[in-house]
Amino acid sequence: MSRTAIREKTFKLIYSIEIQKQKDLKEAMDLYIEANNITDKNTISYMEDAIFGIQKNEKEILSQIEKNLKPNWKIERISKIDLAILKLAIYEIKYKDIPFKVVINEAVELAKKYGEESSKKFVNGILAVVVKEG
C-alpha cells in the first residue's frame, strides 16, 4: 500500500475517533482495522504510531492549531475533518522525519477530497505557519 493510501486510512481513523469521541484508542483502532480488513503490517504500524503519537503530543498539536486561528475562532469551530487532517499533518511535521512539503501536499489533497470548499486553503494556511515557526 502506498504512503498516500496509508495516510488516508489513518486520517479516516483519526476522524472516526474525533466523531465518536472514543477514549480507548487501542479498541477504536482494532475495530477500524477489522472493519476495513486492513492486514498490511506497515499500514497498521503507521496507524499505531500516528494515533498514539498524536495522543501523546495532543496538547502541543492543538496549541499549534489554536494559535494560528483567527482571533475570534475557537478550535471547536473547526470541522472534524479539517481537525483530523491538521492533527495528522502537524504530528508528521513536528515528530516524524517526513519532508514538510510532502506532508502539506498530502494534507491539502485530503482536504480537497473530504473537506469543504474552503478546507484546502485553511489547512494549507495553518500548516504553512506551523512550518515557518519551526
N, C-alpha and C. Protein backbone atom coordinates (compact mmCIF):
# COMPACT_ATOMS: atom_id res chain seq x y z
N MET A 1 0.85 -1.19 0.00
CA MET A 1 0.00 0.00 0.00
C MET A 1 0.89 1.25 0.00
N SER A 2 0.51 2.24 -0.78
CA SER A 2 1.32 3.47 -0.88
C SER A 2 1.21 4.28 0.41
N ARG A 3 2.20 5.14 0.62
CA ARG A 3 2.21 6.01 1.80
C ARG A 3 0.97 6.91 1.78
N THR A 4 0.57 7.36 0.60
CA THR A 4 -0.62 8.20 0.47
C THR A 4 -1.87 7.46 0.94
N ALA A 5 -2.01 6.21 0.52
CA ALA A 5 -3.17 5.40 0.92
C ALA A 5 -3.15 5.12 2.42
N ILE A 6 -1.96 4.84 2.95
CA ILE A 6 -1.82 4.60 4.39
C ILE A 6 -2.22 5.85 5.17
N ARG A 7 -1.75 7.01 4.71
CA ARG A 7 -2.06 8.28 5.36
C ARG A 7 -3.57 8.54 5.32
N GLU A 8 -4.21 8.23 4.19
CA GLU A 8 -5.65 8.45 4.06
C GLU A 8 -6.42 7.55 5.03
N LYS A 9 -6.03 6.30 5.14
CA LYS A 9 -6.69 5.40 6.09
C LYS A 9 -6.49 5.88 7.53
N THR A 10 -5.30 6.38 7.82
CA THR A 10 -5.01 6.89 9.16
C THR A 10 -5.85 8.13 9.45
N PHE A 11 -5.97 9.01 8.48
CA PHE A 11 -6.83 10.19 8.62
C PHE A 11 -8.27 9.77 8.94
N LYS A 12 -8.76 8.76 8.22
CA LYS A 12 -10.14 8.29 8.44
C LYS A 12 -10.31 7.74 9.87
N LEU A 13 -9.30 7.06 10.36
CA LEU A 13 -9.35 6.56 11.73
C LEU A 13 -9.37 7.72 12.73
N ILE A 14 -8.51 8.71 12.52
CA ILE A 14 -8.48 9.89 13.40
C ILE A 14 -9.84 10.60 13.38
N TYR A 15 -10.40 10.74 12.20
CA TYR A 15 -11.72 11.36 12.06
C TYR A 15 -12.78 10.56 12.82
N SER A 16 -12.74 9.26 12.68
CA SER A 16 -13.68 8.39 13.37
C SER A 16 -13.57 8.56 14.89
N ILE A 17 -12.36 8.63 15.39
CA ILE A 17 -12.14 8.83 16.82
C ILE A 17 -12.67 10.20 17.26
N GLU A 18 -12.46 11.22 16.44
CA GLU A 18 -12.97 12.57 16.73
C GLU A 18 -14.50 12.58 16.82
N ILE A 19 -15.13 11.97 15.85
CA ILE A 19 -16.59 11.96 15.77
C ILE A 19 -17.21 11.18 16.94
N GLN A 20 -16.62 10.03 17.23
CA GLN A 20 -17.18 9.15 18.26
C GLN A 20 -16.67 9.49 19.65
N LYS A 21 -15.73 10.42 19.72
CA LYS A 21 -15.14 10.83 21.00
C LYS A 21 -14.67 9.63 21.82
N GLN A 22 -14.01 8.72 21.12
CA GLN A 22 -13.54 7.50 21.77
C GLN A 22 -12.32 7.77 22.64
N LYS A 23 -12.32 7.18 23.80
CA LYS A 23 -11.20 7.33 24.74
C LYS A 23 -10.24 6.15 24.64
N ASP A 24 -10.77 4.95 24.36
CA ASP A 24 -9.94 3.76 24.25
C ASP A 24 -9.42 3.66 22.82
N LEU A 25 -8.26 4.26 22.59
CA LEU A 25 -7.71 4.34 21.23
C LEU A 25 -7.34 2.97 20.68
N LYS A 26 -6.84 2.09 21.51
CA LYS A 26 -6.46 0.75 21.05
C LYS A 26 -7.70 0.01 20.54
N GLU A 27 -8.78 0.09 21.29
CA GLU A 27 -10.02 -0.57 20.87
C GLU A 27 -10.56 0.06 19.58
N ALA A 28 -10.54 1.38 19.50
CA ALA A 28 -11.01 2.08 18.30
C ALA A 28 -10.19 1.66 17.08
N MET A 29 -8.88 1.57 17.27
CA MET A 29 -8.01 1.18 16.16
C MET A 29 -8.25 -0.27 15.75
N ASP A 30 -8.37 -1.16 16.72
CA ASP A 30 -8.62 -2.57 16.42
C ASP A 30 -9.93 -2.74 15.65
N LEU A 31 -10.97 -2.05 16.09
CA LEU A 31 -12.27 -2.12 15.40
C LEU A 31 -12.17 -1.58 13.98
N TYR A 32 -11.47 -0.47 13.81
CA TYR A 32 -11.31 0.14 12.48
C TYR A 32 -10.54 -0.80 11.55
N ILE A 33 -9.45 -1.36 12.05
CA ILE A 33 -8.62 -2.28 11.25
C ILE A 33 -9.44 -3.49 10.83
N GLU A 34 -10.20 -4.03 11.78
CA GLU A 34 -11.03 -5.20 11.47
C GLU A 34 -12.14 -4.85 10.47
N ALA A 35 -12.83 -3.77 10.71
CA ALA A 35 -13.95 -3.35 9.84
C ALA A 35 -13.49 -3.04 8.42
N ASN A 36 -12.26 -2.56 8.28
CA ASN A 36 -11.74 -2.18 6.96
C ASN A 36 -10.81 -3.24 6.38
N ASN A 37 -10.74 -4.39 7.05
CA ASN A 37 -9.97 -5.52 6.54
C ASN A 37 -8.51 -5.15 6.24
N ILE A 38 -7.90 -4.42 7.14
CA ILE A 38 -6.52 -3.98 6.95
C ILE A 38 -5.59 -5.05 7.54
N THR A 39 -4.74 -5.60 6.68
CA THR A 39 -3.83 -6.65 7.13
C THR A 39 -2.37 -6.28 6.92
N ASP A 40 -2.12 -5.24 6.15
CA ASP A 40 -0.75 -4.82 5.86
C ASP A 40 -0.06 -4.32 7.13
N LYS A 41 1.06 -4.95 7.48
CA LYS A 41 1.79 -4.62 8.72
C LYS A 41 2.28 -3.17 8.73
N ASN A 42 2.75 -2.66 7.58
CA ASN A 42 3.23 -1.27 7.51
C ASN A 42 2.11 -0.29 7.80
N THR A 43 0.93 -0.57 7.28
CA THR A 43 -0.22 0.30 7.50
C THR A 43 -0.59 0.31 8.98
N ILE A 44 -0.67 -0.86 9.58
CA ILE A 44 -1.04 -0.97 10.99
C ILE A 44 0.01 -0.28 11.87
N SER A 45 1.27 -0.49 11.54
CA SER A 45 2.36 0.13 12.31
C SER A 45 2.29 1.66 12.21
N TYR A 46 2.07 2.17 11.01
CA TYR A 46 1.96 3.62 10.80
C TYR A 46 0.78 4.19 11.58
N MET A 47 -0.35 3.48 11.52
CA MET A 47 -1.55 3.94 12.23
C MET A 47 -1.30 3.99 13.73
N GLU A 48 -0.72 2.94 14.27
CA GLU A 48 -0.42 2.91 15.71
C GLU A 48 0.47 4.07 16.11
N ASP A 49 1.53 4.27 15.34
CA ASP A 49 2.47 5.34 15.63
C ASP A 49 1.75 6.69 15.61
N ALA A 50 0.95 6.93 14.58
CA ALA A 50 0.26 8.22 14.44
C ALA A 50 -0.78 8.42 15.55
N ILE A 51 -1.60 7.43 15.79
CA ILE A 51 -2.68 7.56 16.78
C ILE A 51 -2.11 7.81 18.18
N PHE A 52 -1.15 6.98 18.57
CA PHE A 52 -0.59 7.13 19.92
C PHE A 52 0.36 8.33 20.01
N GLY A 53 1.02 8.67 18.90
CA GLY A 53 1.87 9.86 18.87
C GLY A 53 1.06 11.14 18.99
N ILE A 54 -0.07 11.18 18.30
CA ILE A 54 -0.96 12.34 18.39
C ILE A 54 -1.51 12.45 19.81
N GLN A 55 -1.91 11.31 20.39
CA GLN A 55 -2.43 11.33 21.76
C GLN A 55 -1.36 11.86 22.73
N LYS A 56 -0.15 11.36 22.59
CA LYS A 56 0.94 11.75 23.49
C LYS A 56 1.25 13.25 23.39
N ASN A 57 1.15 13.79 22.18
CA ASN A 57 1.52 15.18 21.92
C ASN A 57 0.32 16.07 21.63
N GLU A 58 -0.87 15.64 22.03
CA GLU A 58 -2.09 16.35 21.66
C GLU A 58 -2.13 17.80 22.13
N LYS A 59 -1.67 18.04 23.34
CA LYS A 59 -1.68 19.41 23.86
C LYS A 59 -0.88 20.35 22.95
N GLU A 60 0.31 19.94 22.59
CA GLU A 60 1.19 20.72 21.71
C GLU A 60 0.57 20.88 20.32
N ILE A 61 0.01 19.81 19.79
CA ILE A 61 -0.58 19.84 18.45
C ILE A 61 -1.77 20.80 18.42
N LEU A 62 -2.66 20.68 19.41
CA LEU A 62 -3.82 21.57 19.47
C LEU A 62 -3.40 23.03 19.68
N SER A 63 -2.34 23.22 20.44
CA SER A 63 -1.81 24.56 20.67
C SER A 63 -1.32 25.17 19.35
N GLN A 64 -0.67 24.36 18.53
CA GLN A 64 -0.20 24.82 17.22
C GLN A 64 -1.38 25.26 16.34
N ILE A 65 -2.46 24.53 16.42
CA ILE A 65 -3.65 24.88 15.63
C ILE A 65 -4.28 26.15 16.19
N GLU A 66 -4.53 26.15 17.49
CA GLU A 66 -5.22 27.27 18.14
C GLU A 66 -4.53 28.61 17.95
N LYS A 67 -3.22 28.63 18.10
CA LYS A 67 -2.53 29.91 18.00
C LYS A 67 -2.50 30.47 16.57
N ASN A 68 -2.90 29.65 15.60
CA ASN A 68 -2.94 30.12 14.22
C ASN A 68 -4.35 30.36 13.69
N LEU A 69 -5.32 30.33 14.59
CA LEU A 69 -6.70 30.62 14.20
C LEU A 69 -6.93 32.13 14.24
N LYS A 70 -7.97 32.57 13.54
CA LYS A 70 -8.35 33.98 13.61
C LYS A 70 -8.72 34.30 15.06
N PRO A 71 -8.55 35.55 15.47
CA PRO A 71 -8.75 35.93 16.87
C PRO A 71 -10.07 35.47 17.50
N ASN A 72 -11.16 35.53 16.77
CA ASN A 72 -12.46 35.18 17.36
C ASN A 72 -12.84 33.71 17.15
N TRP A 73 -11.93 32.92 16.63
CA TRP A 73 -12.20 31.50 16.37
C TRP A 73 -11.73 30.65 17.54
N LYS A 74 -12.45 29.58 17.78
CA LYS A 74 -12.08 28.57 18.78
C LYS A 74 -11.89 27.25 18.04
N ILE A 75 -11.11 26.38 18.62
CA ILE A 75 -10.81 25.08 17.98
C ILE A 75 -12.09 24.27 17.76
N GLU A 76 -13.09 24.44 18.61
CA GLU A 76 -14.35 23.72 18.49
C GLU A 76 -15.10 24.08 17.20
N ARG A 77 -14.75 25.22 16.64
CA ARG A 77 -15.43 25.70 15.43
C ARG A 77 -14.90 25.03 14.15
N ILE A 78 -13.73 24.41 14.25
CA ILE A 78 -13.12 23.75 13.09
C ILE A 78 -13.87 22.45 12.81
N SER A 79 -14.10 22.17 11.53
CA SER A 79 -14.77 20.91 11.19
C SER A 79 -13.91 19.74 11.65
N LYS A 80 -14.56 18.64 11.99
CA LYS A 80 -13.84 17.45 12.45
C LYS A 80 -12.92 16.91 11.36
N ILE A 81 -13.31 17.07 10.12
CA ILE A 81 -12.46 16.63 9.00
C ILE A 81 -11.18 17.44 8.98
N ASP A 82 -11.30 18.76 9.02
CA ASP A 82 -10.11 19.61 8.99
C ASP A 82 -9.24 19.37 10.22
N LEU A 83 -9.87 19.17 11.36
CA LEU A 83 -9.13 18.93 12.59
C LEU A 83 -8.33 17.62 12.51
N ALA A 84 -8.95 16.58 11.97
CA ALA A 84 -8.26 15.29 11.82
C ALA A 84 -7.07 15.42 10.86
N ILE A 85 -7.26 16.14 9.77
CA ILE A 85 -6.18 16.36 8.80
C ILE A 85 -5.04 17.13 9.46
N LEU A 86 -5.38 18.19 10.17
CA LEU A 86 -4.36 19.02 10.82
C LEU A 86 -3.60 18.25 11.90
N LYS A 87 -4.30 17.47 12.69
CA LYS A 87 -3.63 16.69 13.74
C LYS A 87 -2.59 15.76 13.13
N LEU A 88 -2.99 15.03 12.09
CA LEU A 88 -2.06 14.10 11.45
C LEU A 88 -0.89 14.84 10.82
N ALA A 89 -1.17 15.90 10.10
CA ALA A 89 -0.11 16.64 9.41
C ALA A 89 0.86 17.29 10.39
N ILE A 90 0.35 17.91 11.43
CA ILE A 90 1.23 18.56 12.41
C ILE A 90 2.06 17.50 13.14
N TYR A 91 1.47 16.37 13.44
CA TYR A 91 2.24 15.29 14.06
C TYR A 91 3.39 14.89 13.14
N GLU A 92 3.10 14.72 11.86
CA GLU A 92 4.15 14.31 10.92
C GLU A 92 5.23 15.38 10.76
N ILE A 93 4.83 16.63 10.72
CA ILE A 93 5.80 17.72 10.56
C ILE A 93 6.69 17.84 11.80
N LYS A 94 6.08 17.79 12.96
CA LYS A 94 6.81 18.05 14.21
C LYS A 94 7.56 16.84 14.76
N TYR A 95 7.02 15.66 14.57
CA TYR A 95 7.56 14.50 15.28
C TYR A 95 8.07 13.36 14.40
N LYS A 96 7.92 13.48 13.10
CA LYS A 96 8.39 12.44 12.20
C LYS A 96 9.40 13.04 11.22
N ASP A 97 10.15 12.19 10.60
CA ASP A 97 11.16 12.63 9.65
C ASP A 97 10.61 12.56 8.22
N ILE A 98 9.55 13.33 7.99
CA ILE A 98 8.90 13.36 6.68
C ILE A 98 9.01 14.80 6.17
N PRO A 99 9.47 14.98 4.92
CA PRO A 99 9.60 16.35 4.39
C PRO A 99 8.27 17.11 4.48
N PHE A 100 8.33 18.33 5.01
CA PHE A 100 7.10 19.10 5.24
C PHE A 100 6.33 19.35 3.94
N LYS A 101 7.03 19.46 2.81
CA LYS A 101 6.33 19.70 1.53
C LYS A 101 5.43 18.52 1.18
N VAL A 102 5.91 17.32 1.46
CA VAL A 102 5.11 16.11 1.22
C VAL A 102 3.90 16.11 2.14
N VAL A 103 4.13 16.39 3.40
CA VAL A 103 3.04 16.39 4.40
C VAL A 103 1.98 17.41 4.02
N ILE A 104 2.40 18.62 3.71
CA ILE A 104 1.43 19.68 3.36
C ILE A 104 0.67 19.32 2.09
N ASN A 105 1.37 18.85 1.08
CA ASN A 105 0.72 18.47 -0.17
C ASN A 105 -0.35 17.40 0.07
N GLU A 106 0.00 16.38 0.82
CA GLU A 106 -0.96 15.29 1.06
C GLU A 106 -2.12 15.75 1.95
N ALA A 107 -1.85 16.63 2.91
CA ALA A 107 -2.91 17.17 3.76
C ALA A 107 -3.89 17.99 2.92
N VAL A 108 -3.37 18.80 2.03
CA VAL A 108 -4.22 19.62 1.15
C VAL A 108 -5.05 18.72 0.23
N GLU A 109 -4.45 17.64 -0.26
CA GLU A 109 -5.20 16.70 -1.11
C GLU A 109 -6.34 16.05 -0.32
N LEU A 110 -6.08 15.68 0.93
CA LEU A 110 -7.15 15.13 1.78
C LEU A 110 -8.25 16.17 2.01
N ALA A 111 -7.84 17.42 2.23
CA ALA A 111 -8.81 18.50 2.43
C ALA A 111 -9.66 18.71 1.18
N LYS A 112 -9.06 18.62 0.01
CA LYS A 112 -9.82 18.76 -1.24
C LYS A 112 -10.83 17.63 -1.39
N LYS A 113 -10.39 16.42 -1.04
CA LYS A 113 -11.21 15.23 -1.24
C LYS A 113 -12.35 15.13 -0.21
N TYR A 114 -12.07 15.47 1.05
CA TYR A 114 -13.04 15.23 2.11
C TYR A 114 -13.62 16.49 2.74
N GLY A 115 -12.93 17.61 2.62
CA GLY A 115 -13.36 18.82 3.30
C GLY A 115 -14.34 19.66 2.50
N GLU A 116 -14.58 20.83 3.03
CA GLU A 116 -15.45 21.81 2.36
C GLU A 116 -14.62 22.57 1.34
N GLU A 117 -15.27 23.46 0.64
CA GLU A 117 -14.59 24.26 -0.39
C GLU A 117 -13.39 25.03 0.18
N SER A 118 -13.56 25.56 1.39
CA SER A 118 -12.50 26.39 1.99
C SER A 118 -11.43 25.58 2.73
N SER A 119 -11.64 24.28 2.87
CA SER A 119 -10.74 23.45 3.68
C SER A 119 -9.29 23.45 3.18
N LYS A 120 -9.10 23.37 1.87
CA LYS A 120 -7.72 23.27 1.36
C LYS A 120 -6.91 24.53 1.71
N LYS A 121 -7.54 25.70 1.57
CA LYS A 121 -6.84 26.95 1.92
C LYS A 121 -6.58 27.03 3.42
N PHE A 122 -7.56 26.64 4.20
CA PHE A 122 -7.46 26.68 5.66
C PHE A 122 -6.32 25.77 6.14
N VAL A 123 -6.33 24.52 5.69
CA VAL A 123 -5.31 23.54 6.07
C VAL A 123 -3.93 24.01 5.61
N ASN A 124 -3.83 24.45 4.38
CA ASN A 124 -2.56 24.93 3.84
C ASN A 124 -2.04 26.11 4.64
N GLY A 125 -2.91 27.03 4.99
CA GLY A 125 -2.52 28.24 5.74
C GLY A 125 -1.99 27.90 7.13
N ILE A 126 -2.70 27.05 7.84
CA ILE A 126 -2.27 26.65 9.20
C ILE A 126 -0.92 25.93 9.11
N LEU A 127 -0.80 24.97 8.21
CA LEU A 127 0.43 24.17 8.11
C LEU A 127 1.62 25.03 7.66
N ALA A 128 1.40 25.98 6.79
CA ALA A 128 2.48 26.86 6.34
C ALA A 128 3.06 27.65 7.53
N VAL A 129 2.20 28.13 8.39
CA VAL A 129 2.66 28.89 9.57
C VAL A 129 3.37 27.95 10.55
N VAL A 130 2.85 26.75 10.73
CA VAL A 130 3.49 25.78 11.63
C VAL A 130 4.91 25.48 11.16
N VAL A 131 5.09 25.31 9.85
CA VAL A 131 6.43 25.04 9.30
C VAL A 131 7.32 26.26 9.48
N LYS A 132 6.79 27.44 9.18
CA LYS A 132 7.56 28.68 9.28
C LYS A 132 8.06 28.92 10.71
N GLU A 133 7.19 28.64 11.67
CA GLU A 133 7.55 28.85 13.06
C GLU A 133 8.52 27.80 13.61
N GLY A 134 8.64 26.70 12.84
CA GLY A 134 9.57 25.64 13.25
C GLY A 134 8.98 24.79 14.23
